[in-house]
N, C-alpha and C. Protein backbone atom coordinates (compact mmCIF):
# COMPACT_ATOMS: atom_id res chain seq x y z
N UNK A 1 126.45 65.32 27.74
CA UNK A 1 127.48 67.07 27.95
C UNK A 1 126.68 68.18 26.65
N UNK A 2 125.91 68.97 26.83
CA UNK A 2 125.54 69.38 25.36
C UNK A 2 126.67 71.25 25.75
N UNK A 3 126.50 72.00 24.94
CA UNK A 3 127.72 72.98 24.78
C UNK A 3 126.65 74.55 23.99
N UNK A 4 126.49 75.40 24.68
CA UNK A 4 125.29 76.38 23.15
C UNK A 4 126.19 77.82 23.84
N UNK A 5 125.36 78.70 22.88
CA UNK A 5 125.91 80.20 23.37
C UNK A 5 124.89 80.74 22.39
N UNK A 6 124.57 81.96 24.24
CA UNK A 6 123.75 82.56 24.15
C UNK A 6 125.06 84.04 23.92
N UNK A 7 123.74 84.99 22.74
CA UNK A 7 124.14 85.99 22.51
C UNK A 7 122.91 87.37 23.39
N UNK A 8 123.27 88.24 23.74
CA UNK A 8 122.06 89.07 24.54
C UNK A 8 122.78 90.55 24.19
N UNK A 9 121.72 91.86 24.59
CA UNK A 9 121.78 92.33 24.14
C UNK A 9 121.23 92.94 26.00
N UNK A 10 121.71 93.75 26.59
CA UNK A 10 121.66 94.42 28.40
C UNK A 10 122.17 95.43 28.03
N UNK A 11 121.37 96.29 28.92
CA UNK A 11 121.93 97.11 29.81
C UNK A 11 121.14 97.09 31.44
N UNK A 12 122.15 98.90 31.13
CA UNK A 12 121.86 99.18 33.16
C UNK A 12 121.98 100.43 33.11
N UNK A 13 121.48 100.72 33.74
CA UNK A 13 121.99 101.95 33.49
C UNK A 13 121.53 102.32 36.16
N UNK A 14 123.20 102.84 36.87
CA UNK A 14 123.40 102.64 37.81
C UNK A 14 124.09 103.99 38.27
N UNK A 15 124.91 103.56 39.41
CA UNK A 15 125.83 105.05 40.44
C UNK A 15 127.01 104.64 40.91
N UNK A 16 126.69 103.22 41.91
CA UNK A 16 127.93 102.63 42.14
C UNK A 16 127.61 101.23 41.98
N UNK A 17 127.52 99.54 42.48
CA UNK A 17 127.97 98.80 41.91
C UNK A 17 126.43 98.48 40.09
N UNK A 18 127.13 98.00 39.72
CA UNK A 18 126.56 96.88 38.61
C UNK A 18 125.44 95.68 38.96
N UNK A 19 124.72 95.56 37.96
CA UNK A 19 123.96 95.23 38.69
C UNK A 19 123.91 92.98 38.14
N UNK A 20 124.42 91.91 38.23
CA UNK A 20 124.43 90.67 37.96
C UNK A 20 123.70 90.19 37.12
N UNK A 21 123.96 89.97 35.81
CA UNK A 21 123.52 88.98 34.78
C UNK A 21 123.70 87.15 34.75
N UNK A 22 122.56 86.48 34.88
CA UNK A 22 122.63 84.75 35.57
C UNK A 22 121.58 84.59 34.79
N UNK A 23 122.20 83.13 33.92
CA UNK A 23 122.06 81.92 33.27
C UNK A 23 122.27 81.09 34.36
N UNK A 24 120.52 80.49 34.34
CA UNK A 24 120.71 79.60 35.00
C UNK A 24 120.09 78.35 34.29
N UNK A 25 120.25 76.52 34.42
CA UNK A 25 119.70 75.42 34.35
C UNK A 25 119.27 74.76 35.27
N UNK A 26 117.99 74.57 35.04
CA UNK A 26 117.16 73.34 36.17
C UNK A 26 118.03 74.39 37.50
N UNK A 27 117.27 75.33 37.47
CA UNK A 27 117.46 76.25 39.00
C UNK A 27 118.91 76.44 39.58
N UNK A 28 120.08 76.53 38.91
CA UNK A 28 121.05 76.53 39.03
C UNK A 28 121.84 77.30 37.61
N UNK A 29 122.78 78.55 39.27
CA UNK A 29 123.59 79.52 37.49
C UNK A 29 124.78 78.70 37.67
N UNK A 30 124.20 78.65 36.51
CA UNK A 30 125.98 78.21 35.55
C UNK A 30 126.61 78.89 34.37
N UNK A 31 125.82 80.78 34.47
CA UNK A 31 127.05 81.91 34.59
C UNK A 31 126.40 83.17 34.84
N UNK A 32 127.18 84.11 35.18
CA UNK A 32 127.09 85.49 34.94
C UNK A 32 128.18 86.12 34.83
N UNK A 33 127.49 87.77 34.94
CA UNK A 33 128.23 89.09 34.33
C UNK A 33 127.99 90.29 34.75
N UNK A 34 128.78 90.78 35.07
CA UNK A 34 128.17 92.18 35.43
C UNK A 34 127.54 93.56 34.54
N UNK A 35 126.98 93.72 34.35
CA UNK A 35 126.12 94.59 32.98
C UNK A 35 126.34 96.03 33.31
N UNK A 36 128.07 95.98 32.52
CA UNK A 36 128.54 97.37 32.62
C UNK A 36 128.55 98.83 32.11
N UNK A 37 127.66 98.76 31.30
CA UNK A 37 127.10 99.57 29.93
C UNK A 37 126.24 99.52 29.78
N UNK A 38 125.92 100.78 28.36
CA UNK A 38 123.80 99.56 27.83
C UNK A 38 123.75 100.30 26.38
N UNK A 39 123.45 99.24 26.99
CA UNK A 39 123.19 98.15 25.03
C UNK A 39 124.63 97.34 24.49
N UNK A 40 125.23 96.45 25.68
CA UNK A 40 126.08 96.06 24.60
C UNK A 40 125.68 94.64 24.31
N UNK A 41 126.44 94.03 23.64
CA UNK A 41 126.63 92.83 23.21
C UNK A 41 126.44 92.72 23.94
N UNK A 42 126.48 91.28 24.45
CA UNK A 42 127.04 89.89 25.32
C UNK A 42 127.05 89.30 25.15
N UNK A 43 128.19 88.06 24.68
CA UNK A 43 128.36 86.57 24.03
C UNK A 43 128.65 85.71 25.69
N UNK A 44 127.31 85.06 25.75
CA UNK A 44 127.65 83.81 26.39
C UNK A 44 128.57 82.78 26.17
N UNK A 45 129.88 82.67 25.76
CA UNK A 45 130.28 81.39 24.80
C UNK A 45 130.41 80.37 25.01
N UNK A 46 129.84 78.62 24.78
CA UNK A 46 129.88 77.29 25.57
C UNK A 46 129.56 77.11 26.49
N UNK A 47 128.29 77.90 26.86
CA UNK A 47 128.12 77.49 28.09
C UNK A 47 128.17 75.82 28.65
N UNK A 48 128.57 75.50 28.93
CA UNK A 48 128.13 73.21 29.09
C UNK A 48 127.83 73.34 30.30
N UNK A 49 127.27 71.94 29.97
CA UNK A 49 126.24 71.65 30.36
C UNK A 49 126.00 69.93 30.90
N UNK A 50 126.38 69.81 31.98
CA UNK A 50 126.78 67.49 31.89
C UNK A 50 125.59 67.04 32.90
N UNK A 51 125.12 66.10 32.46
CA UNK A 51 123.75 65.27 32.84
C UNK A 51 122.78 64.92 31.44
N UNK A 52 122.16 65.14 32.63
CA UNK A 52 119.99 64.52 30.99
C UNK A 52 120.03 65.84 30.20
N UNK A 53 119.73 65.82 29.86
CA UNK A 53 118.54 67.48 28.98
C UNK A 53 117.88 68.33 29.71
N UNK A 54 118.65 68.98 29.83
CA UNK A 54 117.99 70.18 31.09
C UNK A 54 116.84 70.34 30.97
N UNK A 55 115.89 70.57 31.67
CA UNK A 55 114.59 70.75 32.36
C UNK A 55 114.35 72.19 31.83
N UNK A 56 115.04 73.24 32.23
CA UNK A 56 114.61 75.29 31.24
C UNK A 56 115.58 75.02 31.31
N UNK A 57 115.53 76.67 30.50
CA UNK A 57 116.61 77.36 30.63
C UNK A 57 115.92 78.80 31.37
N UNK A 58 116.77 79.60 32.23
CA UNK A 58 116.23 81.65 32.66
C UNK A 58 117.56 81.81 33.39
N UNK A 59 116.50 83.17 32.76
CA UNK A 59 117.73 84.19 33.07
C UNK A 59 117.86 85.62 33.90
N UNK A 60 118.03 85.59 35.13
CA UNK A 60 117.73 86.56 36.45
C UNK A 60 118.85 87.61 36.09
N UNK A 61 118.45 89.67 35.98
CA UNK A 61 119.31 89.83 37.69
C UNK A 61 119.26 89.44 39.02
N UNK A 62 120.02 89.49 38.85
CA UNK A 62 119.93 89.90 40.52
C UNK A 62 120.72 90.31 40.50
N UNK A 63 119.93 91.91 41.49
CA UNK A 63 119.74 93.10 41.47
C UNK A 63 119.13 93.17 43.19
N UNK A 64 120.28 93.63 43.95
CA UNK A 64 119.47 93.91 44.95
C UNK A 64 119.71 95.24 45.32
N UNK A 65 120.44 95.83 44.66
CA UNK A 65 120.93 97.78 45.41
C UNK A 65 119.81 98.51 44.64
N UNK A 66 119.10 99.37 45.94
CA UNK A 66 118.31 100.39 46.48
C UNK A 66 118.51 101.63 45.55
N UNK A 67 119.22 101.68 44.37
CA UNK A 67 119.68 103.39 44.09
C UNK A 67 118.29 104.13 42.98
N UNK A 68 117.96 104.84 44.10
CA UNK A 68 117.01 105.67 43.02
C UNK A 68 117.41 106.10 41.20
N UNK A 69 116.22 105.35 41.04
CA UNK A 69 116.63 105.59 39.11
C UNK A 69 117.60 104.52 38.48
N UNK A 70 117.75 103.29 39.30
CA UNK A 70 118.52 102.44 38.57
C UNK A 70 117.94 101.32 37.72
N UNK A 71 117.94 100.54 36.74
CA UNK A 71 117.31 99.96 36.33
C UNK A 71 118.33 98.90 34.93
N UNK A 72 117.41 97.91 35.28
CA UNK A 72 118.39 96.64 33.76
C UNK A 72 117.28 96.64 33.78
N UNK A 73 117.91 96.18 31.74
CA UNK A 73 116.94 95.66 30.88
C UNK A 73 117.74 94.97 30.26
């Protein structure tokens, strides 16, 4: 089992539904959160992974909303 902490600065601009930030280990979502404000530090503490050492860690914004002037960084 592995445990690790991530410290990120995330920002979003939106009108209705906040975009979601996802953390994936070996292609599987292990954590997600809504990005609800501008440049707020986010701590994803103690992400726990069971099994062999992971092959890769990746991040994505899951944002299918079509609002005008919408952005996530």
